[in-house]
Amino acid sequence: MTAGSGEEPRGPRTKRAIWIAIGFLSLLGVIQSLLAKPPVHRPILFDERRFKLYATNLADRGFFGDEAGKWPATVELRSIGYQAQLPPGYVFFLASFRKLFGSYRLVPFVQALLAGATVGLASAIALRLFGPIAAITAGMLVLATGVLATYSRLYLSETLATFTLTAAMFVLVAGFARRSLVLIAAAGVAFGFAALVRPQSLLLPIPIALWIVLAWGSRRSGAVAALILVGSFAFALMPWTVRNYSRLHTFVPVSTMTWANLFLVNNPHATGLFRIPEGFIGADEVRRIRSLDELGQESAWRKFVVDYWKAEPADAAKGWLRNGRVYLTVDDTVMRLYYGYGARQPPRLDHRILLILAGAGTTLAAAASIFKRSSWPPVIVVLYSMGFFCFFLPEGRYRVPMLPLMAVLAAAIPASVWAFARRGRHDETVPT
């Protein structure tokens, strides 16, 4: 019986057919990604160039970071090089290709495999939570957006971040269903890897651990499982955190980007959209701040943000609401510019709509009584992400890692309709 689905047990042939269908959807995800190609020649994006620079420095020169006096330090008015500004996950991913093959040419192919695997993981999560109808629907929804296919062609961390977060969620859901502490520990490690790719998930284990305590059944056993999750998460981060401490002599879990990013949308002139800091405080002040060491820069940006919060708390709160609205509604510039298959740009499902469908699916699943305690993790991730980007720069591409989980929740719509229909037929057969 599929957890949370409310369906009768299925025979081996039916289960096999469902998993074959999920495998087929994964294969479609790989093919879709391999065929994806921007409709026009595109310049390499700033972040792509930065990731490649860090990876080349790591693979060829043996250090993590960049150098003063060279790009991008010169563009950013820096007189120092960074040692821990970028999170390490995607840099190490790229550097492995550089080290093994001497180039990055195979990266899009491997990212196509990750995109296909992510489609399959989304379907597998939906299967466990809401049943076979949801499983097929979830995979189809991810494919319909074209998002993973488009990003798999770019040298950006979104593909790897989406895969690691979705894989962590799959292991978590499986561990909860089996009450397996080993799988819960594995989920914690997977969440750690996801945070090393994109630090936006650094605080996610906290609400996940709280859910485990409340939903496990026994509060004591749930507390043990929650501690194992958080402990294994910290264990995954520890090598990089220790590395940062040895170089910066202070506690930096992943990267030194926190307060600089907070400043971009937490100042009196912020709009929720990206603007370089020179547009807020002038080039001279930016140059002064970026002449400090990394921790000094973080301290300077923190002072700007905290002073603003203290001086204008009402305005700051309005800004947080504005940022949340921007996060939910702003277009994904990458998709708008680079989605396509050569000269063709077939219709696609905008993932902003997918967020609306996810809300509808959650509501219908609750009404149909197929939303169980085990169904909460995707909701927690979506709500966490929405809350997180009320404070940080809410660009459209930052929605990508939670896209498969939005698809899982949206897939509860047909599963709920089917549950309502079965209930109606059952009621009609009950003698009065």
Protein backbone atom coordinates (compact mmCIF):
# COMPACT_ATOMS: atom_id res chain seq x y z
CA MET A 1 0.00 0.00 0.00
CA THR A 2 1.33 3.41 -0.96
CA ALA A 3 1.77 5.64 2.07
CA GLY A 4 -0.75 8.44 2.08
CA SER A 5 -2.60 7.24 -1.01
CA GLY A 6 -5.49 5.47 0.62
CA GLU A 7 -5.44 2.86 -2.16
CA GLU A 8 -5.70 -0.91 -2.00
CA PRO A 9 -2.49 -2.93 -2.35
CA ARG A 10 -1.47 -3.53 -5.95
CA GLY A 11 -0.18 -6.72 -7.53
CA PRO A 12 3.44 -7.24 -8.62
CA ARG A 13 2.60 -6.68 -12.29
CA THR A 14 0.92 -3.36 -11.57
CA LYS A 15 3.82 -2.19 -9.43
CA ARG A 16 6.26 -3.24 -12.12
CA ALA A 17 4.27 -1.32 -14.74
CA ILE A 18 4.29 1.80 -12.58
CA TRP A 19 8.05 1.68 -12.12
CA ILE A 20 8.54 1.08 -15.83
CA ALA A 21 6.45 4.18 -16.49
CA ILE A 22 8.56 6.17 -14.01
CA GLY A 23 11.71 4.93 -15.72
CA PHE A 24 10.29 5.99 -19.09
CA LEU A 25 9.59 9.48 -17.75
CA SER A 26 13.18 9.67 -16.49
CA LEU A 27 14.43 8.66 -19.93
CA LEU A 28 12.27 11.38 -21.48
CA GLY A 29 13.88 13.84 -19.08
CA VAL A 30 17.34 12.83 -20.31
CA ILE A 31 16.32 13.04 -23.98
CA GLN A 32 14.60 16.37 -23.46
CA SER A 33 17.74 17.77 -21.83
CA LEU A 34 20.03 16.48 -24.56
CA LEU A 35 17.84 18.04 -27.25
CA ALA A 36 17.49 21.39 -25.47
CA LYS A 37 19.40 24.18 -27.13
CA PRO A 38 18.91 27.94 -26.90
CA PRO A 39 17.13 29.30 -29.99
CA VAL A 40 19.92 31.87 -30.51
CA HIS A 41 23.63 31.99 -29.78
CA ARG A 42 23.99 33.15 -26.21
CA PRO A 43 26.87 34.74 -24.31
CA ILE A 44 28.17 32.93 -21.26
CA LEU A 45 26.45 34.23 -18.13
CA PHE A 46 28.37 36.00 -15.38
CA ASP A 47 27.72 33.23 -12.84
CA GLU A 48 28.70 30.55 -15.36
CA ARG A 49 32.02 32.27 -15.95
CA ARG A 50 32.60 32.60 -12.21
CA PHE A 51 31.88 28.90 -11.57
CA LYS A 52 34.27 27.90 -14.35
CA LEU A 53 36.98 30.21 -13.02
CA TYR A 54 36.75 28.71 -9.53
CA ALA A 55 36.73 25.18 -10.96
CA THR A 56 39.76 25.88 -13.15
CA ASN A 57 41.65 27.40 -10.24
CA LEU A 58 40.83 24.34 -8.13
CA ALA A 59 41.67 21.72 -10.77
CA ASP A 60 44.72 23.37 -12.35
CA ARG A 61 46.18 25.47 -9.55
CA GLY A 62 45.02 23.72 -6.39
CA PHE A 63 43.24 26.55 -4.60
CA PHE A 64 39.59 27.41 -4.05
CA GLY A 65 38.69 31.02 -4.83
CA ASP A 66 39.77 33.88 -7.08
CA GLU A 67 42.53 36.47 -7.08
CA ALA A 68 42.79 40.22 -6.57
CA GLY A 69 43.62 42.23 -9.67
CA LYS A 70 41.83 39.80 -12.00
CA TRP A 71 38.27 39.20 -13.12
CA PRO A 72 35.81 39.15 -11.32
CA ALA A 73 37.54 41.09 -8.55
CA THR A 74 38.18 44.02 -10.88
CA VAL A 75 34.53 44.15 -11.98
CA GLU A 76 33.33 44.02 -8.38
CA LEU A 77 35.75 46.78 -7.28
CA ARG A 78 37.59 44.34 -5.01
CA SER A 79 41.19 44.72 -3.97
CA ILE A 80 41.28 41.24 -2.41
CA GLY A 81 40.63 37.72 -3.66
CA TYR A 82 37.94 35.52 -2.13
CA GLN A 83 38.59 32.19 -0.41
CA ALA A 84 35.08 31.11 0.62
CA GLN A 85 32.61 33.28 -1.25
CA LEU A 86 31.15 30.57 -3.49
CA PRO A 87 29.66 27.38 -2.04
CA PRO A 88 31.86 24.41 -2.95
CA GLY A 89 29.38 21.84 -4.30
CA TYR A 90 29.09 22.90 -7.92
CA VAL A 91 32.70 24.10 -8.11
CA PHE A 92 33.95 20.63 -7.13
CA PHE A 93 31.47 19.08 -9.57
CA LEU A 94 32.91 21.14 -12.43
CA ALA A 95 36.50 20.73 -11.28
CA SER A 96 36.19 16.94 -11.44
CA PHE A 97 35.49 17.20 -15.19
CA ARG A 98 38.38 19.59 -15.68
CA LYS A 99 40.72 17.27 -13.78
CA LEU A 100 39.59 14.06 -15.50
CA PHE A 101 38.93 15.24 -19.05
CA GLY A 102 40.71 18.58 -19.35
CA SER A 103 37.52 20.46 -20.26
CA TYR A 104 33.88 20.97 -19.31
CA ARG A 105 32.36 19.55 -22.49
CA LEU A 106 30.79 16.53 -20.79
CA VAL A 107 29.05 18.63 -18.11
CA PRO A 108 25.80 19.19 -20.07
CA PHE A 109 25.57 15.45 -20.79
CA VAL A 110 25.97 14.51 -17.11
CA GLN A 111 23.54 17.27 -16.13
CA ALA A 112 21.05 15.77 -18.60
CA LEU A 113 21.35 12.48 -16.69
CA LEU A 114 20.79 14.35 -13.41
CA ALA A 115 17.73 16.07 -14.88
CA GLY A 116 16.27 12.73 -15.93
CA ALA A 117 17.01 11.25 -12.51
CA THR A 118 15.28 14.21 -10.88
CA VAL A 119 12.14 13.56 -12.94
CA GLY A 120 12.16 9.95 -11.73
CA LEU A 121 12.71 10.97 -8.11
CA ALA A 122 9.80 13.40 -8.25
CA SER A 123 7.57 10.62 -9.59
CA ALA A 124 8.81 8.19 -6.93
CA ILE A 125 8.06 10.67 -4.13
CA ALA A 126 4.57 11.30 -5.52
CA LEU A 127 4.01 7.53 -5.78
CA ARG A 128 4.76 7.04 -2.11
CA LEU A 129 2.76 10.05 -0.94
CA PHE A 130 -0.27 10.11 -3.24
CA GLY A 131 -0.28 6.98 -5.41
CA PRO A 132 0.34 5.96 -9.04
CA ILE A 133 -1.81 8.64 -10.68
CA ALA A 134 0.17 11.32 -8.88
CA ALA A 135 3.46 9.60 -9.75
CA ILE A 136 2.86 9.79 -13.49
CA THR A 137 1.43 13.30 -13.23
CA ALA A 138 4.39 14.63 -11.24
CA GLY A 139 6.91 13.43 -13.81
CA MET A 140 4.87 14.85 -16.67
CA LEU A 141 4.56 18.22 -14.94
CA VAL A 142 8.31 18.51 -14.46
CA LEU A 143 8.84 17.67 -18.12
CA ALA A 144 6.15 20.12 -19.22
CA THR A 145 7.97 23.07 -17.64
CA GLY A 146 11.14 22.47 -19.67
CA VAL A 147 13.08 23.97 -16.76
CA LEU A 148 15.46 21.12 -15.98
CA ALA A 149 16.19 20.62 -19.68
CA THR A 150 17.06 24.30 -20.14
CA TYR A 151 19.25 24.57 -17.05
CA SER A 152 21.05 21.32 -17.84
CA ARG A 153 22.66 23.10 -20.80
CA LEU A 154 24.05 25.88 -18.58
CA TYR A 155 27.05 25.90 -16.26
CA LEU A 156 24.93 26.93 -13.29
CA SER A 157 24.34 25.12 -10.02
CA GLU A 158 20.56 24.78 -10.42
CA THR A 159 20.61 21.29 -11.97
CA LEU A 160 22.86 19.81 -9.28
CA ALA A 161 21.03 21.69 -6.52
CA THR A 162 17.64 20.43 -7.73
CA PHE A 163 18.87 16.85 -7.96
CA THR A 164 20.49 16.81 -4.50
CA LEU A 165 17.48 18.40 -2.79
CA THR A 166 15.01 16.06 -4.51
CA ALA A 167 17.19 13.03 -3.71
CA ALA A 168 17.36 14.12 -0.06
CA MET A 169 13.58 14.38 0.01
CA PHE A 170 13.16 10.94 -1.54
CA VAL A 171 15.41 9.34 1.07
CA LEU A 172 13.67 11.26 3.86
CA VAL A 173 10.20 10.12 2.77
CA ALA A 174 11.39 6.53 2.44
CA GLY A 175 13.08 6.66 5.84
CA PHE A 176 9.96 8.04 7.49
CA ALA A 177 7.72 5.41 5.89
CA ARG A 178 9.98 2.59 7.14
CA ARG A 179 10.89 4.33 10.42
CA SER A 180 14.50 3.66 9.40
CA LEU A 181 17.12 5.62 11.33
CA VAL A 182 19.73 4.58 8.76
CA LEU A 183 17.74 6.21 5.96
CA ILE A 184 17.08 9.27 8.13
CA ALA A 185 20.85 9.59 8.62
CA ALA A 186 21.35 9.22 4.86
CA ALA A 187 18.74 11.93 4.29
CA GLY A 188 20.65 14.25 6.63
CA VAL A 189 23.85 13.70 4.66
CA ALA A 190 21.97 14.33 1.40
CA PHE A 191 20.55 17.59 2.79
CA GLY A 192 24.11 18.52 3.72
CA PHE A 193 25.27 17.96 0.14
CA ALA A 194 22.34 20.07 -1.08
CA ALA A 195 23.40 22.92 1.24
CA LEU A 196 26.99 22.69 -0.03
CA VAL A 197 25.64 23.25 -3.54
CA ARG A 198 23.18 26.00 -2.62
CA PRO A 199 23.37 27.39 0.96
CA GLN A 200 19.75 28.54 0.79
CA SER A 201 18.82 25.13 2.27
CA LEU A 202 21.20 25.53 5.22
CA LEU A 203 18.37 26.01 7.74
CA LEU A 204 15.94 23.55 6.13
CA PRO A 205 16.79 20.63 8.49
CA ILE A 206 15.34 22.62 11.41
CA PRO A 207 11.68 22.53 10.26
CA ILE A 208 12.21 19.02 8.88
CA ALA A 209 13.48 17.86 12.28
CA LEU A 210 10.50 19.48 14.01
CA TRP A 211 8.15 17.63 11.66
CA ILE A 212 9.90 14.32 12.46
CA VAL A 213 9.41 14.87 16.19
CA LEU A 214 5.71 15.60 15.74
CA ALA A 215 4.93 12.98 13.09
CA TRP A 216 7.08 9.99 14.04
CA GLY A 217 4.49 8.55 16.42
CA SER A 218 6.52 8.44 19.61
CA ARG A 219 7.92 11.80 20.67
CA ARG A 220 10.97 10.15 22.18
CA SER A 221 11.74 8.08 19.09
CA GLY A 222 10.96 11.10 16.92
CA ALA A 223 13.43 13.22 18.89
CA VAL A 224 16.12 10.59 18.36
CA ALA A 225 15.40 10.50 14.62
CA ALA A 226 15.45 14.31 14.45
CA LEU A 227 18.82 14.44 16.22
CA ILE A 228 20.19 11.86 13.82
CA LEU A 229 18.99 13.93 10.86
CA VAL A 230 20.55 17.15 12.16
CA GLY A 231 23.73 15.38 13.27
CA SER A 232 24.29 13.70 9.92
CA PHE A 233 23.57 17.02 8.19
CA ALA A 234 26.25 18.72 10.30
CA PHE A 235 28.60 15.80 9.63
CA ALA A 236 28.28 16.37 5.87
CA LEU A 237 29.09 20.06 6.28
CA MET A 238 31.94 19.54 8.74
CA PRO A 239 34.89 19.06 6.35
CA TRP A 240 34.13 22.28 4.51
CA THR A 241 33.35 24.19 7.71
CA VAL A 242 36.68 23.07 9.19
CA ARG A 243 38.43 24.14 5.99
CA ASN A 244 36.84 27.59 6.23
CA TYR A 245 37.84 27.89 9.88
CA SER A 246 41.46 27.01 9.09
CA ARG A 247 41.61 29.82 6.53
CA LEU A 248 39.32 32.49 7.95
CA HIS A 249 39.71 31.66 11.67
CA THR A 250 36.00 31.90 12.36
CA PHE A 251 32.86 29.80 11.95
CA VAL A 252 31.66 29.89 8.32
CA PRO A 253 29.47 26.83 7.60
CA VAL A 254 29.48 27.14 3.80
CA SER A 255 30.22 30.56 2.29
CA THR A 256 30.72 34.25 3.04
CA MET A 257 27.86 35.49 0.86
CA THR A 258 25.17 35.87 3.52
CA TRP A 259 25.07 39.54 4.48
CA ALA A 260 26.11 40.85 1.08
CA ASN A 261 23.07 39.10 -0.41
CA LEU A 262 20.83 40.29 2.39
CA PHE A 263 21.87 43.88 1.73
CA LEU A 264 20.68 43.78 -1.90
CA VAL A 265 17.03 43.59 -0.80
CA ASN A 266 17.29 45.00 2.73
CA ASN A 267 18.05 48.67 2.23
CA PRO A 268 15.87 51.79 1.81
CA HIS A 269 16.17 51.81 -1.99
CA ALA A 270 15.69 48.09 -2.70
CA THR A 271 12.96 46.96 -5.09
CA GLY A 272 13.31 43.20 -4.73
CA LEU A 273 15.09 43.02 -8.10
CA PHE A 274 18.83 42.63 -8.63
CA ARG A 275 20.91 45.78 -8.61
CA ILE A 276 24.63 46.00 -7.97
CA PRO A 277 25.42 47.60 -4.58
CA GLU A 278 26.99 50.63 -6.29
CA GLY A 279 23.46 51.63 -7.23
CA PHE A 280 22.56 51.91 -3.52
CA ILE A 281 25.65 53.33 -1.80
CA GLY A 282 27.95 54.47 -4.59
CA ALA A 283 31.11 53.05 -6.12
CA ASP A 284 33.49 54.65 -3.61
CA GLU A 285 31.77 53.04 -0.63
CA VAL A 286 31.63 49.66 -2.38
CA ARG A 287 35.33 49.96 -3.19
CA ARG A 288 36.09 50.75 0.45
CA ILE A 289 34.10 47.76 1.73
CA ARG A 290 35.62 45.41 -0.79
CA SER A 291 39.10 46.37 0.22
CA LEU A 292 38.45 44.64 3.55
CA ASP A 293 39.02 40.94 4.09
CA GLU A 294 36.06 38.59 3.59
CA LEU A 295 34.93 38.70 7.20
CA GLY A 296 35.37 42.47 7.31
CA GLN A 297 33.16 42.75 4.26
CA GLU A 298 30.48 40.57 5.87
CA SER A 299 30.64 42.75 8.98
CA ALA A 300 30.20 45.91 6.91
CA TRP A 301 27.21 44.54 4.98
CA ARG A 302 25.71 43.25 8.23
CA LYS A 303 25.94 46.73 9.77
CA PHE A 304 24.10 48.24 6.80
CA VAL A 305 21.31 45.65 7.05
CA VAL A 306 20.91 45.66 10.84
CA ASP A 307 20.99 49.48 11.01
CA TYR A 308 18.26 49.60 8.38
CA TRP A 309 16.12 47.08 10.26
CA LYS A 310 16.50 49.08 13.47
CA ALA A 311 15.90 52.48 11.90
CA GLU A 312 13.00 51.48 9.60
CA PRO A 313 11.36 48.33 10.97
CA ALA A 314 8.02 48.99 9.27
CA ASP A 315 9.66 49.70 5.93
CA ALA A 316 11.82 46.59 6.33
CA ALA A 317 8.74 44.45 7.02
CA LYS A 318 7.04 45.85 3.92
CA GLY A 319 10.16 44.96 1.99
CA TRP A 320 10.00 41.36 3.20
CA LEU A 321 6.41 41.08 1.96
CA ARG A 322 7.44 42.69 -1.33
CA ASN A 323 10.30 40.21 -1.71
CA GLY A 324 7.94 37.30 -1.10
CA ARG A 325 5.56 38.62 -3.75
CA VAL A 326 8.44 39.09 -6.20
CA TYR A 327 9.65 35.54 -5.53
CA LEU A 328 6.24 34.12 -6.38
CA THR A 329 5.58 36.26 -9.45
CA VAL A 330 8.83 37.39 -11.11
CA ASP A 331 9.66 35.80 -14.46
CA ASP A 332 12.61 33.43 -14.75
CA THR A 333 14.91 35.40 -17.04
CA VAL A 334 16.96 32.32 -17.94
CA MET A 335 13.86 30.49 -19.14
CA ARG A 336 12.57 33.50 -21.02
CA LEU A 337 15.85 33.94 -22.91
CA TYR A 338 17.20 30.44 -23.35
CA TYR A 339 14.34 27.94 -23.40
CA GLY A 340 14.15 26.23 -26.77
CA TYR A 341 15.15 23.33 -29.00
CA GLY A 342 17.18 24.95 -31.74
CA ALA A 343 14.86 27.18 -33.73
CA ARG A 344 11.74 25.90 -31.95
CA GLN A 345 10.23 27.12 -28.70
CA PRO A 346 7.23 24.85 -28.03
CA PRO A 347 4.69 25.84 -25.38
CA ARG A 348 5.71 25.10 -21.81
CA LEU A 349 4.17 25.15 -18.36
CA ASP A 350 5.37 28.27 -16.53
CA HIS A 351 6.62 27.13 -13.12
CA ARG A 352 4.87 30.09 -11.51
CA ILE A 353 1.63 28.33 -12.44
CA LEU A 354 3.03 25.14 -10.94
CA LEU A 355 3.22 26.90 -7.59
CA ILE A 356 -0.51 27.69 -7.79
CA LEU A 357 -1.24 24.09 -8.73
CA ALA A 358 0.82 22.92 -5.76
CA GLY A 359 -1.37 24.94 -3.41
CA ALA A 360 -4.51 23.56 -5.03
CA GLY A 361 -3.18 20.01 -4.83
CA THR A 362 -2.37 20.32 -1.15
CA THR A 363 -5.83 21.70 -0.41
CA LEU A 364 -7.64 19.02 -2.42
CA ALA A 365 -5.53 16.24 -0.90
CA ALA A 366 -6.50 17.40 2.58
CA ALA A 367 -10.17 17.53 1.57
CA ALA A 368 -9.96 14.04 0.05
CA SER A 369 -8.22 12.70 3.17
CA ILE A 370 -5.18 11.49 1.23
CA PHE A 371 -2.90 14.11 2.77
CA LYS A 372 -1.22 12.33 5.67
CA ARG A 373 1.58 13.16 8.09
CA SER A 374 4.04 11.71 5.59
CA SER A 375 2.90 14.26 3.00
CA TRP A 376 4.27 17.29 4.87
CA PRO A 377 7.95 17.36 3.71
CA PRO A 378 7.29 18.83 0.22
CA VAL A 379 5.02 21.44 1.79
CA ILE A 380 7.72 22.30 4.33
CA VAL A 381 10.31 22.78 1.57
CA VAL A 382 8.02 25.03 -0.48
CA LEU A 383 7.00 27.15 2.52
CA TYR A 384 10.60 27.33 3.73
CA SER A 385 11.77 28.51 0.32
CA MET A 386 9.04 31.16 0.15
CA GLY A 387 9.97 32.40 3.61
CA PHE A 388 13.71 32.34 2.94
CA PHE A 389 13.45 34.56 -0.12
CA CYS A 390 11.43 37.16 1.72
CA PHE A 391 14.85 38.15 3.10
CA PHE A 392 17.23 37.24 0.28
CA LEU A 393 17.32 38.25 -3.37
CA PRO A 394 14.16 36.64 -4.86
CA GLU A 395 15.22 35.92 -8.45
CA GLY A 396 13.07 33.59 -10.54
CA ARG A 397 15.87 31.05 -11.03
CA TYR A 398 15.99 30.47 -7.28
CA ARG A 399 12.60 28.70 -7.53
CA VAL A 400 14.14 25.93 -9.61
CA PRO A 401 15.37 23.59 -6.80
CA MET A 402 11.88 23.27 -5.34
CA LEU A 403 10.22 22.71 -8.74
CA PRO A 404 10.03 18.86 -8.50
CA LEU A 405 8.43 19.14 -5.06
CA MET A 406 5.90 21.65 -6.37
CA ALA A 407 5.14 19.09 -9.08
CA VAL A 408 4.62 16.40 -6.42
CA LEU A 409 2.06 18.57 -4.62
CA ALA A 410 0.38 19.62 -7.86
CA ALA A 411 0.10 15.94 -8.82
CA ALA A 412 -2.16 15.46 -5.81
CA ILE A 413 -4.94 17.15 -7.84
CA PRO A 414 -5.81 14.16 -10.07
CA ALA A 415 -5.13 11.77 -7.18
CA SER A 416 -7.64 13.69 -5.06
CA VAL A 417 -10.23 13.74 -7.85
CA TRP A 418 -9.81 9.99 -8.20
CA ALA A 419 -10.21 9.55 -4.44
CA PHE A 420 -13.41 11.62 -4.50
CA ALA A 421 -14.75 9.58 -7.42
CA ARG A 422 -14.01 6.27 -5.68
CA ARG A 423 -15.66 7.54 -2.53
CA GLY A 424 -18.74 8.55 -4.54
CA ARG A 425 -19.02 5.12 -6.15
CA HIS A 426 -18.60 3.47 -2.76
CA ASP A 427 -21.37 5.63 -1.27
CA GLU A 428 -23.70 4.68 -4.13
CA THR A 429 -23.25 0.96 -3.39
CA VAL A 430 -23.89 1.24 0.35
CA PRO A 431 -27.46 0.02 1.22
CA THR A 432 -29.75 2.66 2.67
